[in-house]
Structure formats: C-alpha cells, structure tokens
PDB file of N, CA and C in Angstrom:
ATOM      1  N   UNK A   1      93.062  53.352  51.453  1.00  0.00           N
ATOM      2  CA  UNK A   1      91.635  53.625  51.519  1.00  0.00           C
ATOM      3  C   UNK A   1      91.361  54.813  52.426  1.00  0.00           C
ATOM      4  N   UNK A   2      90.489  55.661  51.980  1.00  0.00           N
ATOM      5  CA  UNK A   2      90.122  56.819  52.781  1.00  0.00           C
ATOM      6  C   UNK A   2      88.842  56.521  53.534  1.00  0.00           C
ATOM      7  N   UNK A   3      88.864  56.924  54.822  1.00  0.00           N
ATOM      8  CA  UNK A   3      87.661  56.727  55.630  1.00  0.00           C
ATOM      9  C   UNK A   3      86.669  57.833  55.299  1.00  0.00           C
ATOM     10  N   UNK A   4      85.433  57.476  55.275  1.00  0.00           N
ATOM     11  CA  UNK A   4      84.414  58.468  54.985  1.00  0.00           C
ATOM     12  C   UNK A   4      84.100  59.265  56.248  1.00  0.00           C
ATOM     13  N   UNK A   5      83.662  60.499  56.097  1.00  0.00           N
ATOM     14  CA  UNK A   5      83.415  61.392  57.229  1.00  0.00           C
ATOM     15  C   UNK A   5      82.311  60.861  58.140  1.00  0.00           C
ATOM     16  N   UNK A   6      81.347  60.126  57.555  1.00  0.00           N
ATOM     17  CA  UNK A   6      80.226  59.644  58.358  1.00  0.00           C
ATOM     18  C   UNK A   6      80.675  58.654  59.426  1.00  0.00           C
ATOM     19  N   UNK A   7      81.759  57.956  59.223  1.00  0.00           N
ATOM     20  CA  UNK A   7      82.202  56.949  60.181  1.00  0.00           C
ATOM     21  C   UNK A   7      82.725  57.581  61.469  1.00  0.00           C
ATOM     22  N   UNK A   8      83.175  58.842  61.416  1.00  0.00           N
ATOM     23  CA  UNK A   8      83.757  59.476  62.591  1.00  0.00           C
ATOM     24  C   UNK A   8      82.748  60.292  63.392  1.00  0.00           C
ATOM     25  N   UNK A   9      81.525  60.388  62.924  1.00  0.00           N
ATOM     26  CA  UNK A   9      80.513  61.155  63.638  1.00  0.00           C
ATOM     27  C   UNK A   9      80.073  60.352  64.852  1.00  0.00           C
ATOM     28  N   UNK A  10      80.165  60.978  66.025  1.00  0.00           N
ATOM     29  CA  UNK A  10      79.736  60.302  67.253  1.00  0.00           C
ATOM     30  C   UNK A  10      78.580  61.080  67.857  1.00  0.00           C
ATOM     31  N   UNK A  11      77.887  60.423  68.743  1.00  0.00           N
ATOM     32  CA  UNK A  11      76.766  61.072  69.411  1.00  0.00           C
ATOM     33  C   UNK A  11      77.289  62.105  70.404  1.00  0.00           C
ATOM     34  N   UNK A  12      76.492  63.139  70.625  1.00  0.00           N
ATOM     35  CA  UNK A  12      76.872  64.165  71.597  1.00  0.00           C
ATOM     36  C   UNK A  12      76.842  63.572  72.996  1.00  0.00           C
ATOM     37  N   UNK A  13      77.794  63.992  73.813  1.00  0.00           N
ATOM     38  CA  UNK A  13      77.828  63.497  75.187  1.00  0.00           C
ATOM     39  C   UNK A  13      76.761  64.230  75.989  1.00  0.00           C
ATOM     40  N   UNK A  14      76.034  63.472  76.790  1.00  0.00           N
ATOM     41  CA  UNK A  14      74.945  64.088  77.541  1.00  0.00           C
ATOM     42  C   UNK A  14      75.393  64.514  78.933  1.00  0.00           C
ATOM     43  N   UNK A  15      76.459  63.901  79.465  1.00  0.00           N
ATOM     44  CA  UNK A  15      76.875  64.190  80.839  1.00  0.00           C
ATOM     45  C   UNK A  15      78.070  65.144  80.814  1.00  0.00           C
ATOM     46  N   UNK A  16      77.883  66.354  81.281  1.00  0.00           N
ATOM     47  CA  UNK A  16      78.955  67.340  81.269  1.00  0.00           C
ATOM     48  C   UNK A  16      79.624  67.510  82.625  1.00  0.00           C
ATOM     49  N   UNK A  17      78.911  67.256  83.720  1.00  0.00           N
ATOM     50  CA  UNK A  17      79.488  67.476  85.041  1.00  0.00           C
ATOM     51  C   UNK A  17      78.842  66.552  86.056  1.00  0.00           C
ATOM     52  N   UNK A  18      79.592  66.267  87.112  1.00  0.00           N
ATOM     53  CA  UNK A  18      79.062  65.446  88.191  1.00  0.00           C
ATOM     54  C   UNK A  18      79.689  65.903  89.493  1.00  0.00           C
ATOM     55  N   UNK A  19      78.930  65.887  90.558  1.00  0.00           N
ATOM     56  CA  UNK A  19      79.450  66.269  91.873  1.00  0.00           C
ATOM     57  C   UNK A  19      79.993  65.058  92.627  1.00  0.00           C
ATOM     58  N   UNK A  20      79.908  63.896  92.032  1.00  0.00           N
ATOM     59  CA  UNK A  20      80.376  62.683  92.694  1.00  0.00           C
ATOM     60  C   UNK A  20      81.855  62.792  93.042  1.00  0.00           C
ATOM     61  N   UNK A  21      82.205  62.497  94.277  1.00  0.00           N
ATOM     62  CA  UNK A  21      83.582  62.430  94.774  1.00  0.00           C
ATOM     63  C   UNK A  21      84.235  63.797  94.963  1.00  0.00           C
ATOM     64  N   UNK A  22      83.572  64.878  94.589  1.00  0.00           N
ATOM     65  CA  UNK A  22      84.211  66.191  94.680  1.00  0.00           C
ATOM     66  C   UNK A  22      84.419  66.610  96.130  1.00  0.00           C
ATOM     67  N   UNK A  23      83.435  66.342  96.982  1.00  0.00           N
ATOM     68  CA  UNK A  23      83.550  66.721  98.390  1.00  0.00           C
ATOM     69  C   UNK A  23      84.669  65.942  99.060  1.00  0.00           C
ATOM     70  N   UNK A  24      84.775  64.665  98.759  1.00  0.00           N
ATOM     71  CA  UNK A  24      85.835  63.840  99.345  1.00  0.00           C
ATOM     72  C   UNK A  24      87.210  64.355  98.918  1.00  0.00           C
ATOM     73  N   UNK A  25      87.342  64.676  97.637  1.00  0.00           N
ATOM     74  CA  UNK A  25      88.618  65.188  97.132  1.00  0.00           C
ATOM     75  C   UNK A  25      88.980  66.503  97.825  1.00  0.00           C
ATOM     76  N   UNK A  26      87.980  67.356  98.020  1.00  0.00           N
ATOM     77  CA  UNK A  26      88.232  68.658  98.628  1.00  0.00           C
ATOM     78  C   UNK A  26      88.652  68.525 100.086  1.00  0.00           C
ATOM     79  N   UNK A  27      88.078  67.551 100.796  1.00  0.00           N
ATOM     80  CA  UNK A  27      88.353  67.415 102.222  1.00  0.00           C
ATOM     81  C   UNK A  27      89.594  66.586 102.523  1.00  0.00           C
ATOM     82  N   UNK A  28      90.169  65.932 101.522  1.00  0.00           N
ATOM     83  CA  UNK A  28      91.368  65.123 101.791  1.00  0.00           C
ATOM     84  C   UNK A  28      92.488  65.968 102.380  1.00  0.00           C
ATOM     85  N   UNK A  29      92.702  67.154 101.821  1.00  0.00           N
ATOM     86  CA  UNK A  29      93.722  68.055 102.353  1.00  0.00           C
ATOM     87  C   UNK A  29      93.110  69.135 103.237  1.00  0.00           C
ATOM     88  N   UNK A  30      91.832  69.049 103.465  1.00  0.00           N
ATOM     89  CA  UNK A  30      91.158  70.032 104.304  1.00  0.00           C
ATOM     90  C   UNK A  30      90.811  71.273 103.512  1.00  0.00           C
ATOM     91  N   UNK A  31      89.631  71.801 103.762  1.00  0.00           N
ATOM     92  CA  UNK A  31      89.236  73.046 103.117  1.00  0.00           C
ATOM     93  C   UNK A  31      89.742  74.166 104.010  1.00  0.00           C
ATOM     94  N   UNK A  32      90.677  74.957 103.512  1.00  0.00           N
ATOM     95  CA  UNK A  32      91.324  75.988 104.323  1.00  0.00           C
ATOM     96  C   UNK A  32      90.761  77.358 103.979  1.00  0.00           C
ATOM     97  N   UNK A  33      90.719  78.210 104.992  1.00  0.00           N
ATOM     98  CA  UNK A  33      90.324  79.595 104.757  1.00  0.00           C
ATOM     99  C   UNK A  33      91.491  80.316 104.099  1.00  0.00           C
ATOM    100  N   UNK A  34      91.222  81.309 103.284  1.00  0.00           N
ATOM    101  CA  UNK A  34      92.332  82.051 102.684  1.00  0.00           C
ATOM    102  C   UNK A  34      93.124  82.767 103.770  1.00  0.00           C
ATOM    103  N   UNK A  35      94.452  82.818 103.592  1.00  0.00           N
ATOM    104  CA  UNK A  35      95.300  83.472 104.584  1.00  0.00           C
ATOM    105  C   UNK A  35      95.038  84.973 104.550  1.00  0.00           C
ATOM    106  N   UNK A  36      94.944  85.552 105.731  1.00  0.00           N
ATOM    107  CA  UNK A  36      94.735  86.991 105.820  1.00  0.00           C
ATOM    108  C   UNK A  36      95.964  87.622 106.452  1.00  0.00           C
ATOM    109  N   UNK A  37      96.291  88.810 106.002  1.00  0.00           N
ATOM    110  CA  UNK A  37      97.428  89.527 106.551  1.00  0.00           C
ATOM    111  C   UNK A  37      96.994  90.341 107.760  1.00  0.00           C
ATOM    112  N   UNK A  38      97.969  90.628 108.634  1.00  0.00           N
ATOM    113  CA  UNK A  38      97.669  91.424 109.822  1.00  0.00           C
ATOM    114  C   UNK A  38      97.164  92.805 109.414  1.00  0.00           C
ATOM    115  N   UNK A  39      97.823  93.398 108.450  1.00  0.00           N
ATOM    116  CA  UNK A  39      97.411  94.703 107.949  1.00  0.00           C
ATOM    117  C   UNK A  39      97.012  94.539 106.485  1.00  0.00           C
ATOM    118  N   UNK A  40      95.717  94.597 106.178  1.00  0.00           N
ATOM    119  CA  UNK A  40      95.294  94.414 104.790  1.00  0.00           C
ATOM    120  C   UNK A  40      95.800  95.546 103.902  1.00  0.00           C
ATOM    121  N   UNK A  41      95.939  95.244 102.646  1.00  0.00           N
ATOM    122  CA  UNK A  41      96.422  96.210 101.666  1.00  0.00           C
ATOM    123  C   UNK A  41      95.428  97.367 101.560  1.00  0.00           C
ATOM    124  N   UNK A  42      95.937  98.589 101.593  1.00  0.00           N
ATOM    125  CA  UNK A  42      95.065  99.767 101.544  1.00  0.00           C
ATOM    126  C   UNK A  42      94.946 100.338 100.136  1.00  0.00           C
ATOM    127  N   UNK A  43      95.385  99.579  99.156  1.00  0.00           N
ATOM    128  CA  UNK A  43      95.274 100.024  97.769  1.00  0.00           C
ATOM    129  C   UNK A  43      93.792 100.126  97.391  1.00  0.00           C
ATOM    130  N   UNK A  44      93.431 101.230  96.805  1.00  0.00           N
ATOM    131  CA  UNK A  44      92.045 101.415  96.384  1.00  0.00           C
ATOM    132  C   UNK A  44      91.165 102.028  97.462  1.00  0.00           C
ATOM    133  N   UNK A  45      91.747 102.363  98.634  1.00  0.00           N
ATOM    134  CA  UNK A  45      90.958 102.965  99.704  1.00  0.00           C
ATOM    135  C   UNK A  45      90.889 104.474  99.466  1.00  0.00           C
ATOM    136  N   UNK A  46      89.812 105.067  99.904  1.00  0.00           N
ATOM    137  CA  UNK A  46      89.563 106.495  99.733  1.00  0.00           C
ATOM    138  C   UNK A  46      90.758 107.317 100.226  1.00  0.00           C
ATOM    139  N   UNK A  47      91.368 108.148  99.365  1.00  0.00           N
ATOM    140  CA  UNK A  47      92.547 108.916  99.766  1.00  0.00           C
ATOM    141  C   UNK A  47      92.289 109.878 100.929  1.00  0.00           C
ATOM    142  N   UNK A  48      91.078 110.416 100.996  1.00  0.00           N
ATOM    143  CA  UNK A  48      90.734 111.328 102.091  1.00  0.00           C
ATOM    144  C   UNK A  48      90.785 110.572 103.420  1.00  0.00           C
ATOM    145  N   UNK A  49      90.270 109.374 103.423  1.00  0.00           N
ATOM    146  CA  UNK A  49      90.298 108.534 104.627  1.00  0.00           C
ATOM    147  C   UNK A  49      91.734 108.192 105.014  1.00  0.00           C
ATOM    148  N   UNK A  50      92.565 107.838 104.027  1.00  0.00           N
ATOM    149  CA  UNK A  50      93.957 107.473 104.310  1.00  0.00           C
ATOM    150  C   UNK A  50      94.724 108.648 104.913  1.00  0.00           C
ATOM    151  N   UNK A  51      94.497 109.844 104.382  1.00  0.00           N
ATOM    152  CA  UNK A  51      95.180 111.024 104.887  1.00  0.00           C
ATOM    153  C   UNK A  51      94.794 111.260 106.345  1.00  0.00           C
ATOM    154  N   UNK A  52      93.498 111.184 106.635  1.00  0.00           N
ATOM    155  CA  UNK A  52      93.031 111.390 108.004  1.00  0.00           C
ATOM    156  C   UNK A  52      93.574 110.294 108.920  1.00  0.00           C
ATOM    157  N   UNK A  53      93.638 109.074 108.415  1.00  0.00           N
ATOM    158  CA  UNK A  53      94.160 107.963 109.217  1.00  0.00           C
ATOM    159  C   UNK A  53      95.620 108.215 109.595  1.00  0.00           C
ATOM    160  N   UNK A  54      96.375 108.763 108.663  1.00  0.00           N
ATOM    161  CA  UNK A  54      97.785 109.057 108.921  1.00  0.00           C
ATOM    162  C   UNK A  54      97.916 110.082 110.054  1.00  0.00           C
ATOM    163  N   UNK A  55      97.100 111.140 110.006  1.00  0.00           N
ATOM    164  CA  UNK A  55      97.141 112.155 111.065  1.00  0.00           C
ATOM    165  C   UNK A  55      96.680 111.562 112.398  1.00  0.00           C
ATOM    166  N   UNK A  56      95.673 110.706 112.360  1.00  0.00           N
ATOM    167  CA  UNK A  56      95.157 110.090 113.587  1.00  0.00           C
ATOM    168  C   UNK A  56      96.219 109.202 114.228  1.00  0.00           C
ATOM    169  N   UNK A  57      96.945 108.441 113.408  1.00  0.00           N
ATOM    170  CA  UNK A  57      98.019 107.590 113.937  1.00  0.00           C
ATOM    171  C   UNK A  57      99.086 108.439 114.608  1.00  0.00           C
ATOM    172  N   UNK A  58      99.417 109.567 113.977  1.00  0.00           N
ATOM    173  CA  UNK A  58     100.441 110.454 114.525  1.00  0.00           C
ATOM    174  C   UNK A  58      99.989 110.990 115.884  1.00  0.00           C
ATOM    175  N   UNK A  59      98.715 111.397 115.985  1.00  0.00           N
ATOM    176  CA  UNK A  59      98.189 111.919 117.250  1.00  0.00           C
ATOM    177  C   UNK A  59      98.184 110.858 118.335  1.00  0.00           C
ATOM    178  N   UNK A  60      97.813 109.637 117.975  1.00  0.00           N
ATOM    179  CA  UNK A  60      97.784 108.535 118.933  1.00  0.00           C
ATOM    180  C   UNK A  60      99.188 108.248 119.442  1.00  0.00           C
ATOM    181  N   UNK A  61     100.131 108.228 118.528  1.00  0.00           N
ATOM    182  CA  UNK A  61     101.526 107.961 118.892  1.00  0.00           C
ATOM    183  C   UNK A  61     102.031 109.035 119.857  1.00  0.00           C
ATOM    184  N   UNK A  62     101.660 110.278 119.587  1.00  0.00           N
ATOM    185  CA  UNK A  62     102.071 111.395 120.433  1.00  0.00           C
ATOM    186  C   UNK A  62     101.469 111.252 121.837  1.00  0.00           C
ATOM    187  N   UNK A  63     100.182 110.888 121.914  1.00  0.00           N
ATOM    188  CA  UNK A  63      99.505 110.724 123.200  1.00  0.00           C
ATOM    189  C   UNK A  63     100.129 109.584 124.003  1.00  0.00           C
ATOM    190  N   UNK A  64     100.454 108.488 123.340  1.00  0.00           N
ATOM    191  CA  UNK A  64     101.076 107.345 124.014  1.00  0.00           C
ATOM    192  C   UNK A  64     102.441 107.749 124.555  1.00  0.00           C
ATOM    193  N   UNK A  65     103.201 108.480 123.755  1.00  0.00           N
ATOM    194  CA  UNK A  65     104.536 108.925 124.170  1.00  0.00           C
ATOM    195  C   UNK A  65     104.435 109.816 125.414  1.00  0.00           C
ATOM    196  N   UNK A  66     103.467 110.744 125.414  1.00  0.00           N
ATOM    197  CA  UNK A  66     103.286 111.633 126.565  1.00  0.00           C
ATOM    198  C   UNK A  66     102.844 110.859 127.797  1.00  0.00           C
ATOM    199  N   UNK A  67     101.981 109.847 127.618  1.00  0.00           N
ATOM    200  CA  UNK A  67     101.525 109.033 128.747  1.00  0.00           C
ATOM    201  C   UNK A  67     102.695 108.264 129.357  1.00  0.00           C
ATOM    202  N   UNK A  68     103.569 107.749 128.529  1.00  0.00           N
ATOM    203  CA  UNK A  68     104.743 107.029 129.031  1.00  0.00           C
ATOM    204  C   UNK A  68     105.665 107.971 129.802  1.00  0.00           C
ATOM    205  N   UNK A  69     105.828 109.178 129.281  1.00  0.00           N
ATOM    206  CA  UNK A  69     106.659 110.166 129.976  1.00  0.00           C
ATOM    207  C   UNK A  69     106.065 110.475 131.348  1.00  0.00           C
ATOM    208  N   UNK A  70     104.743 110.597 131.415  1.00  0.00           N
ATOM    209  CA  UNK A  70     104.061 110.860 132.684  1.00  0.00           C
ATOM    210  C   UNK A  70     104.285 109.743 133.690  1.00  0.00           C
ATOM    211  N   UNK A  71     104.242 108.485 133.236  1.00  0.00           N
ATOM    212  CA  UNK A  71     104.458 107.342 134.123  1.00  0.00           C
ATOM    213  C   UNK A  71     105.885 107.338 134.649  1.00  0.00           C
ATOM    214  N   UNK A  72     106.832 107.705 133.804  1.00  0.00           N
ATOM    215  CA  UNK A  72     108.239 107.715 134.221  1.00  0.00           C
ATOM    216  C   UNK A  72     108.474 108.765 135.303  1.00  0.00           C
ATOM    217  N   UNK A  73     107.810 109.907 135.160  1.00  0.00           N
ATOM    218  CA  UNK A  73     107.995 110.977 136.137  1.00  0.00           C
ATOM    219  C   UNK A  73     107.401 110.602 137.485  1.00  0.00           C
ATOM    220  N   UNK A  74     106.263 109.879 137.480  1.00  0.00           N
ATOM    221  CA  UNK A  74     105.603 109.463 138.720  1.00  0.00           C
ATOM    222  C   UNK A  74     106.424 108.385 139.414  1.00  0.00           C
ATOM    223  N   UNK A  75     106.939 107.433 138.655  1.00  0.00           N
ATOM    224  CA  UNK A  75     107.665 106.302 139.247  1.00  0.00           C
ATOM    225  C   UNK A  75     109.045 106.653 139.742  1.00  0.00           C
TER     226      UNK A  75
END
C-alpha cells in the first residue's frame, strides 16, 4: 500500500529559537576574551606608515646603543 502525500503534511513549527539555558551553557567553561598577540599582525597596514616605522625603530635602536655606550664610559 502506498501512503498518500496528505498524511505526511505536518504543521509548520512556530518556535525557531530560544535563549533558555544559553547563558548557563556559555558560562560553564567561562566566557573568555580572544587571545591577543604581543605584536599584532601588520598585514593590511598602510605601507607608508610601515616604512616610517621601520626607520623610527632603527633610529631608536641607534639612540639606545649610544646611551649605553655613554653609561659605560662614565662608569
């Protein structure tokens, strides 16, 4: 015997979502902040800024090196 198509028609479900228990589930393992790196990725940063940053780092490194040399001479 073949079942008729009308027998399989069901009513549409009215409830699509519920917030019940979601907060408890989320807090069971704790809601954690995303991990951040010490130095964030510079991909997509303005190339002009990156170039200047590179020169600035070099100048800072040079100044620190000279300051250390000065301290050694005094001590």
